[in-house]
Amino acid sequence: MEIVEAKQTDLESFFDYLKSQLLDNASDDSPLFLPIAKQHCQVSEQLRAKFQDGFRFEFGQLGWRKLWLAKDINGLICGHIAYSIYLQKTLNTVPKLR
């Protein structure tokens, strides 16, 4: 297994993987493992756009998003880590790395 920074060419496979994960999150008998209401457990066009658009932005810009993928020896996605910028609403500034 290896952890790799996602490329735009990984996104369709990532969305398939995420769809499966979200369906598990929405199953009737399972506890939530994502902070998403069951009725919103889907890969919406809005969610797809956030990941696709994230490649256009530099760190610190609103819209920035990074995605790392855990891939098995066959290159199949078996986990992920996603980061996005958080806008501090009270200060209206973007946090800076130190």
C-alpha atoms as a PDB file:
ATOM      1  CA  MET A   1       0.000   0.000   0.000  1.00  0.00           C
ATOM      2  CA  GLU A   2       1.128   3.549  -0.646  1.00  0.00           C
ATOM      3  CA  ILE A   3      -0.120   7.052   0.087  1.00  0.00           C
ATOM      4  CA  VAL A   4      -0.067   9.339  -2.952  1.00  0.00           C
ATOM      5  CA  GLU A   5      -1.135  12.889  -3.637  1.00  0.00           C
ATOM      6  CA  ALA A   6      -4.207  12.720  -5.860  1.00  0.00           C
ATOM      7  CA  LYS A   7      -4.100  13.930  -9.436  1.00  0.00           C
ATOM      8  CA  GLN A   8      -7.075  15.087 -11.449  1.00  0.00           C
ATOM      9  CA  THR A   9      -6.960  11.752 -13.264  1.00  0.00           C
ATOM     10  CA  ASP A  10      -7.657  10.004  -9.925  1.00  0.00           C
ATOM     11  CA  LEU A  11     -10.914  11.836  -9.296  1.00  0.00           C
ATOM     12  CA  GLU A  12     -13.366   9.500 -11.070  1.00  0.00           C
ATOM     13  CA  SER A  13     -11.966   6.505  -9.175  1.00  0.00           C
ATOM     14  CA  PHE A  14     -12.059   8.549  -5.978  1.00  0.00           C
ATOM     15  CA  PHE A  15     -15.719   9.470  -6.529  1.00  0.00           C
ATOM     16  CA  ASP A  16     -16.581   5.780  -7.046  1.00  0.00           C
ATOM     17  CA  TYR A  17     -14.750   4.887  -3.827  1.00  0.00           C
ATOM     18  CA  LEU A  18     -16.396   7.767  -1.948  1.00  0.00           C
ATOM     19  CA  LYS A  19     -19.849   6.777  -3.199  1.00  0.00           C
ATOM     20  CA  SER A  20     -19.380   3.323  -1.694  1.00  0.00           C
ATOM     21  CA  GLN A  21     -18.140   4.799   1.585  1.00  0.00           C
ATOM     22  CA  LEU A  22     -21.080   7.199   1.789  1.00  0.00           C
ATOM     23  CA  LEU A  23     -23.557   4.393   1.083  1.00  0.00           C
ATOM     24  CA  ASP A  24     -22.097   2.502   4.051  1.00  0.00           C
ATOM     25  CA  ASN A  25     -22.516   5.640   6.135  1.00  0.00           C
ATOM     26  CA  ALA A  26     -26.178   5.844   5.121  1.00  0.00           C
ATOM     27  CA  SER A  27     -27.130   2.220   5.737  1.00  0.00           C
ATOM     28  CA  ASP A  28     -29.968   1.887   8.214  1.00  0.00           C
ATOM     29  CA  ASP A  29     -28.261  -0.289  10.802  1.00  0.00           C
ATOM     30  CA  SER A  30     -24.827   1.289  10.920  1.00  0.00           C
ATOM     31  CA  PRO A  31     -23.609   4.167  13.074  1.00  0.00           C
ATOM     32  CA  LEU A  32     -22.459   7.304  11.292  1.00  0.00           C
ATOM     33  CA  PHE A  33     -18.709   7.429  10.716  1.00  0.00           C
ATOM     34  CA  LEU A  34     -18.875  10.696   8.796  1.00  0.00           C
ATOM     35  CA  PRO A  35     -20.465  13.900  10.062  1.00  0.00           C
ATOM     36  CA  ILE A  36     -22.997  13.842   7.222  1.00  0.00           C
ATOM     37  CA  ALA A  37     -26.704  13.289   7.655  1.00  0.00           C
ATOM     38  CA  LYS A  38     -27.874  10.040   6.078  1.00  0.00           C
ATOM     39  CA  GLN A  39     -30.073  11.867   3.565  1.00  0.00           C
ATOM     40  CA  HIS A  40     -27.002  13.753   2.273  1.00  0.00           C
ATOM     41  CA  CYS A  41     -24.744  10.704   1.830  1.00  0.00           C
ATOM     42  CA  GLN A  42     -24.165  10.990  -1.884  1.00  0.00           C
ATOM     43  CA  VAL A  43     -21.498  12.259  -4.246  1.00  0.00           C
ATOM     44  CA  SER A  44     -23.352  15.352  -5.428  1.00  0.00           C
ATOM     45  CA  GLU A  45     -22.322  17.563  -8.316  1.00  0.00           C
ATOM     46  CA  GLN A  46     -21.453  20.215  -5.735  1.00  0.00           C
ATOM     47  CA  LEU A  47     -19.096  17.845  -3.902  1.00  0.00           C
ATOM     48  CA  ARG A  48     -17.507  16.722  -7.174  1.00  0.00           C
ATOM     49  CA  ALA A  49     -16.966  20.346  -8.171  1.00  0.00           C
ATOM     50  CA  LYS A  50     -15.255  21.154  -4.848  1.00  0.00           C
ATOM     51  CA  PHE A  51     -12.646  18.451  -5.425  1.00  0.00           C
ATOM     52  CA  GLN A  52     -12.251  19.252  -9.138  1.00  0.00           C
ATOM     53  CA  ASP A  53     -11.978  22.995  -8.529  1.00  0.00           C
ATOM     54  CA  GLY A  54      -9.568  22.513  -5.621  1.00  0.00           C
ATOM     55  CA  PHE A  55      -6.733  21.848  -8.083  1.00  0.00           C
ATOM     56  CA  ARG A  56      -6.993  25.432  -9.384  1.00  0.00           C
ATOM     57  CA  PHE A  57      -6.246  27.178  -6.095  1.00  0.00           C
ATOM     58  CA  GLU A  58      -3.027  27.830  -4.219  1.00  0.00           C
ATOM     59  CA  PHE A  59      -2.757  27.107  -0.504  1.00  0.00           C
ATOM     60  CA  GLY A  60      -4.376  29.932   1.433  1.00  0.00           C
ATOM     61  CA  GLN A  61      -6.956  30.709  -1.235  1.00  0.00           C
ATOM     62  CA  LEU A  62     -10.603  30.009  -0.566  1.00  0.00           C
ATOM     63  CA  GLY A  63     -11.422  26.892  -2.585  1.00  0.00           C
ATOM     64  CA  TRP A  64      -8.029  25.223  -2.029  1.00  0.00           C
ATOM     65  CA  ARG A  65      -8.341  21.497  -1.423  1.00  0.00           C
ATOM     66  CA  LYS A  66      -5.759  18.695  -1.211  1.00  0.00           C
ATOM     67  CA  LEU A  67      -6.456  15.006  -1.463  1.00  0.00           C
ATOM     68  CA  TRP A  68      -4.192  12.083  -0.642  1.00  0.00           C
ATOM     69  CA  LEU A  69      -5.148   8.527  -1.514  1.00  0.00           C
ATOM     70  CA  ALA A  70      -4.177   5.214   0.029  1.00  0.00           C
ATOM     71  CA  LYS A  71      -3.845   2.737  -2.841  1.00  0.00           C
ATOM     72  CA  ASP A  72      -3.358  -1.003  -2.616  1.00  0.00           C
ATOM     73  CA  ILE A  73      -0.810  -2.947  -4.688  1.00  0.00           C
ATOM     74  CA  ASN A  74      -3.298  -2.999  -7.588  1.00  0.00           C
ATOM     75  CA  GLY A  75      -3.734   0.779  -7.500  1.00  0.00           C
ATOM     76  CA  LEU A  76      -7.248   0.610  -6.042  1.00  0.00           C
ATOM     77  CA  ILE A  77      -8.230   3.301  -3.548  1.00  0.00           C
ATOM     78  CA  CYS A  78      -8.700   1.922  -0.044  1.00  0.00           C
ATOM     79  CA  GLY A  79      -8.569   5.143   1.986  1.00  0.00           C
ATOM     80  CA  HIS A  80      -8.205   8.888   1.710  1.00  0.00           C
ATOM     81  CA  ILE A  81      -7.264  12.088   3.496  1.00  0.00           C
ATOM     82  CA  ALA A  82      -8.782  15.378   2.347  1.00  0.00           C
ATOM     83  CA  TYR A  83      -7.851  18.864   3.472  1.00  0.00           C
ATOM     84  CA  SER A  84      -9.518  22.134   2.585  1.00  0.00           C
ATOM     85  CA  ILE A  85      -9.040  25.713   3.647  1.00  0.00           C
ATOM     86  CA  TYR A  86     -11.195  26.924   6.520  1.00  0.00           C
ATOM     87  CA  LEU A  87     -12.285  30.526   6.357  1.00  0.00           C
ATOM     88  CA  GLN A  88     -12.396  32.067   9.805  1.00  0.00           C
ATOM     89  CA  LYS A  89     -15.696  33.873   9.564  1.00  0.00           C
ATOM     90  CA  THR A  90     -15.139  36.083  12.580  1.00  0.00           C
ATOM     91  CA  LEU A  91     -11.848  37.472  11.304  1.00  0.00           C
ATOM     92  CA  ASN A  92     -12.576  37.047   7.603  1.00  0.00           C
ATOM     93  CA  THR A  93      -9.000  35.832   7.135  1.00  0.00           C
ATOM     94  CA  VAL A  94      -7.441  32.601   6.045  1.00  0.00           C
ATOM     95  CA  PRO A  95      -5.297  30.835   8.660  1.00  0.00           C
ATOM     96  CA  LYS A  96      -1.567  30.788   7.916  1.00  0.00           C
ATOM     97  CA  LEU A  97       0.893  27.961   8.431  1.00  0.00           C
ATOM     98  CA  ARG A  98       3.659  28.692  10.885  1.00  0.00           C
END
